Amino acid sequence: MSTSIWIVIVVIALVVGAVFGFFMARRSMETYLKKNPPISEEMMKSMMTSMGQKPSQKKLAQMMAQMKNQQNK
């Protein structure tokens, strides 16, 4: 085969590999974030306490629901 055909094959393989790698990395990050959320309820509670607010269970639940809604968008 000629050199130009080999170059085309290599370029196509690189593009397909990059696209496949991107989607696999994205899927991996999504599953990781679902299993390990970035902020837990305890972290939220300590953050609110350090800001001088008295965290109630209702307020914590509302904030966690807002964060989940933002993640789903």
N, C-alpha and C. Protein backbone atom coordinates (compact mmCIF):
# COMPACT_ATOMS: atom_id res chain seq x y z
N MET A 1 0.84 -1.17 0.00
CA MET A 1 0.00 0.00 0.00
C MET A 1 0.88 1.24 0.00
N SER A 2 0.33 2.29 -0.49
CA SER A 2 1.11 3.51 -0.58
C SER A 2 1.15 4.23 0.77
N THR A 3 2.05 5.14 0.88
CA THR A 3 2.24 5.90 2.12
C THR A 3 1.02 6.75 2.45
N SER A 4 0.38 7.33 1.48
CA SER A 4 -0.77 8.20 1.74
C SER A 4 -1.93 7.42 2.35
N ILE A 5 -2.11 6.18 1.94
CA ILE A 5 -3.18 5.36 2.51
C ILE A 5 -2.89 5.07 3.98
N TRP A 6 -1.63 4.79 4.30
CA TRP A 6 -1.25 4.54 5.69
C TRP A 6 -1.48 5.79 6.55
N ILE A 7 -1.18 6.93 6.02
CA ILE A 7 -1.38 8.18 6.77
C ILE A 7 -2.86 8.40 7.04
N VAL A 8 -3.71 8.15 6.04
CA VAL A 8 -5.16 8.30 6.22
C VAL A 8 -5.67 7.33 7.28
N ILE A 9 -5.20 6.09 7.25
CA ILE A 9 -5.63 5.09 8.22
C ILE A 9 -5.21 5.50 9.63
N VAL A 10 -4.00 6.00 9.79
CA VAL A 10 -3.52 6.42 11.10
C VAL A 10 -4.33 7.61 11.61
N VAL A 11 -4.61 8.57 10.76
CA VAL A 11 -5.39 9.74 11.18
C VAL A 11 -6.80 9.32 11.59
N ILE A 12 -7.43 8.45 10.82
CA ILE A 12 -8.77 7.97 11.16
C ILE A 12 -8.75 7.21 12.49
N ALA A 13 -7.73 6.38 12.70
CA ALA A 13 -7.61 5.64 13.95
C ALA A 13 -7.43 6.59 15.14
N LEU A 14 -6.66 7.64 14.97
CA LEU A 14 -6.47 8.61 16.05
C LEU A 14 -7.76 9.35 16.38
N VAL A 15 -8.51 9.73 15.37
CA VAL A 15 -9.77 10.44 15.60
C VAL A 15 -10.77 9.52 16.30
N VAL A 16 -10.89 8.30 15.84
CA VAL A 16 -11.82 7.35 16.46
C VAL A 16 -11.40 7.07 17.91
N GLY A 17 -10.12 6.92 18.14
CA GLY A 17 -9.62 6.68 19.50
C GLY A 17 -9.87 7.86 20.42
N ALA A 18 -9.69 9.07 19.92
CA ALA A 18 -9.93 10.26 20.73
C ALA A 18 -11.41 10.38 21.09
N VAL A 19 -12.29 10.15 20.14
CA VAL A 19 -13.73 10.24 20.41
C VAL A 19 -14.15 9.16 21.40
N PHE A 20 -13.69 7.94 21.20
CA PHE A 20 -14.02 6.84 22.10
C PHE A 20 -13.47 7.12 23.50
N GLY A 21 -12.26 7.60 23.60
CA GLY A 21 -11.65 7.92 24.89
C GLY A 21 -12.40 9.02 25.61
N PHE A 22 -12.85 10.04 24.88
CA PHE A 22 -13.61 11.12 25.49
C PHE A 22 -14.89 10.61 26.13
N PHE A 23 -15.65 9.79 25.41
CA PHE A 23 -16.91 9.30 25.94
C PHE A 23 -16.70 8.32 27.09
N MET A 24 -15.66 7.52 27.04
CA MET A 24 -15.37 6.61 28.15
C MET A 24 -14.96 7.39 29.40
N ALA A 25 -14.16 8.42 29.24
CA ALA A 25 -13.74 9.24 30.39
C ALA A 25 -14.95 9.97 30.99
N ARG A 26 -15.82 10.47 30.12
CA ARG A 26 -17.02 11.17 30.60
C ARG A 26 -17.92 10.24 31.39
N ARG A 27 -18.12 9.04 30.86
CA ARG A 27 -18.96 8.06 31.56
C ARG A 27 -18.34 7.65 32.90
N SER A 28 -17.03 7.50 32.91
CA SER A 28 -16.34 7.14 34.14
C SER A 28 -16.48 8.23 35.20
N MET A 29 -16.35 9.49 34.80
CA MET A 29 -16.49 10.59 35.75
C MET A 29 -17.92 10.69 36.28
N GLU A 30 -18.91 10.48 35.43
CA GLU A 30 -20.30 10.54 35.87
C GLU A 30 -20.59 9.47 36.91
N THR A 31 -20.13 8.25 36.69
CA THR A 31 -20.37 7.18 37.66
C THR A 31 -19.60 7.45 38.95
N TYR A 32 -18.40 8.01 38.85
CA TYR A 32 -17.62 8.32 40.05
C TYR A 32 -18.33 9.38 40.88
N LEU A 33 -18.85 10.41 40.23
CA LEU A 33 -19.53 11.48 40.97
C LEU A 33 -20.86 11.02 41.56
N LYS A 34 -21.52 10.05 40.93
CA LYS A 34 -22.74 9.51 41.52
C LYS A 34 -22.43 8.70 42.77
N LYS A 35 -21.35 7.94 42.74
CA LYS A 35 -20.97 7.12 43.89
C LYS A 35 -20.36 7.98 45.00
N ASN A 36 -19.61 9.01 44.65
CA ASN A 36 -18.93 9.87 45.62
C ASN A 36 -19.32 11.32 45.37
N PRO A 37 -20.44 11.75 45.92
CA PRO A 37 -20.85 13.13 45.68
C PRO A 37 -19.84 14.11 46.26
N PRO A 38 -19.66 15.25 45.61
CA PRO A 38 -18.64 16.19 46.06
C PRO A 38 -18.92 16.81 47.43
N ILE A 39 -20.19 17.00 47.80
CA ILE A 39 -20.52 17.58 49.09
C ILE A 39 -21.57 16.71 49.77
N SER A 40 -21.29 16.30 50.98
CA SER A 40 -22.24 15.49 51.74
C SER A 40 -23.02 16.39 52.69
N GLU A 41 -23.99 15.80 53.35
CA GLU A 41 -24.82 16.57 54.27
C GLU A 41 -24.01 17.05 55.47
N GLU A 42 -23.07 16.22 55.92
CA GLU A 42 -22.22 16.63 57.05
C GLU A 42 -21.33 17.81 56.66
N MET A 43 -20.80 17.78 55.46
CA MET A 43 -19.96 18.89 55.01
C MET A 43 -20.78 20.17 54.91
N MET A 44 -22.00 20.06 54.43
CA MET A 44 -22.88 21.21 54.31
C MET A 44 -23.21 21.77 55.70
N LYS A 45 -23.45 20.88 56.64
CA LYS A 45 -23.78 21.30 58.00
C LYS A 45 -22.61 22.05 58.64
N SER A 46 -21.41 21.53 58.49
CA SER A 46 -20.25 22.21 59.08
C SER A 46 -19.97 23.54 58.37
N MET A 47 -20.23 23.61 57.07
CA MET A 47 -20.02 24.85 56.33
C MET A 47 -21.01 25.92 56.81
N MET A 48 -22.26 25.54 57.00
CA MET A 48 -23.25 26.50 57.48
C MET A 48 -22.93 26.95 58.91
N THR A 49 -22.47 26.05 59.75
CA THR A 49 -22.10 26.40 61.11
C THR A 49 -20.93 27.37 61.13
N SER A 50 -19.96 27.15 60.26
CA SER A 50 -18.80 28.05 60.21
C SER A 50 -19.17 29.43 59.68
N MET A 51 -20.26 29.52 58.89
CA MET A 51 -20.70 30.81 58.38
C MET A 51 -21.62 31.53 59.39
N GLY A 52 -21.88 30.90 60.53
CA GLY A 52 -22.69 31.54 61.56
C GLY A 52 -24.17 31.24 61.47
N GLN A 53 -24.56 30.34 60.58
CA GLN A 53 -25.97 29.97 60.46
C GLN A 53 -26.24 28.73 61.31
N LYS A 54 -27.45 28.64 61.80
CA LYS A 54 -27.83 27.45 62.56
C LYS A 54 -28.55 26.51 61.60
N PRO A 55 -27.92 25.41 61.21
CA PRO A 55 -28.53 24.54 60.20
C PRO A 55 -29.64 23.67 60.79
N SER A 56 -30.82 23.79 60.22
CA SER A 56 -31.92 22.91 60.59
C SER A 56 -31.96 21.77 59.57
N GLN A 57 -32.61 20.70 59.94
CA GLN A 57 -32.70 19.54 59.04
C GLN A 57 -33.46 19.90 57.77
N LYS A 58 -34.48 20.75 57.91
CA LYS A 58 -35.27 21.16 56.75
C LYS A 58 -34.41 21.96 55.78
N LYS A 59 -33.61 22.89 56.30
CA LYS A 59 -32.76 23.71 55.45
C LYS A 59 -31.69 22.86 54.75
N LEU A 60 -31.12 21.90 55.49
CA LEU A 60 -30.13 21.00 54.89
C LEU A 60 -30.74 20.18 53.76
N ALA A 61 -31.95 19.67 54.00
CA ALA A 61 -32.62 18.88 52.96
C ALA A 61 -32.91 19.72 51.72
N GLN A 62 -33.32 20.97 51.93
CA GLN A 62 -33.58 21.85 50.79
C GLN A 62 -32.31 22.12 49.98
N MET A 63 -31.21 22.39 50.68
CA MET A 63 -29.96 22.68 49.98
C MET A 63 -29.44 21.46 49.22
N MET A 64 -29.58 20.28 49.83
CA MET A 64 -29.14 19.06 49.16
C MET A 64 -30.01 18.79 47.93
N ALA A 65 -31.31 19.04 48.03
CA ALA A 65 -32.20 18.85 46.88
C ALA A 65 -31.85 19.82 45.76
N GLN A 66 -31.51 21.07 46.11
CA GLN A 66 -31.10 22.03 45.09
C GLN A 66 -29.83 21.58 44.39
N MET A 67 -28.88 21.07 45.14
CA MET A 67 -27.62 20.62 44.55
C MET A 67 -27.86 19.43 43.62
N LYS A 68 -28.73 18.51 44.02
CA LYS A 68 -29.03 17.36 43.17
C LYS A 68 -29.71 17.80 41.87
N ASN A 69 -30.62 18.79 41.98
CA ASN A 69 -31.29 19.31 40.79
C ASN A 69 -30.30 19.97 39.83
N GLN A 70 -29.32 20.68 40.36
CA GLN A 70 -28.31 21.32 39.53
C GLN A 70 -27.44 20.29 38.83
N GLN A 71 -27.14 19.18 39.53
CA GLN A 71 -26.31 18.14 38.92
C GLN A 71 -27.04 17.44 37.80
N ASN A 72 -28.35 17.30 37.91
CA ASN A 72 -29.13 16.57 36.90
C ASN A 72 -29.32 17.37 35.63
N LYS A 73 -29.14 18.67 35.68
CA LYS A 73 -29.35 19.51 34.48
C LYS A 73 -28.24 19.38 33.52
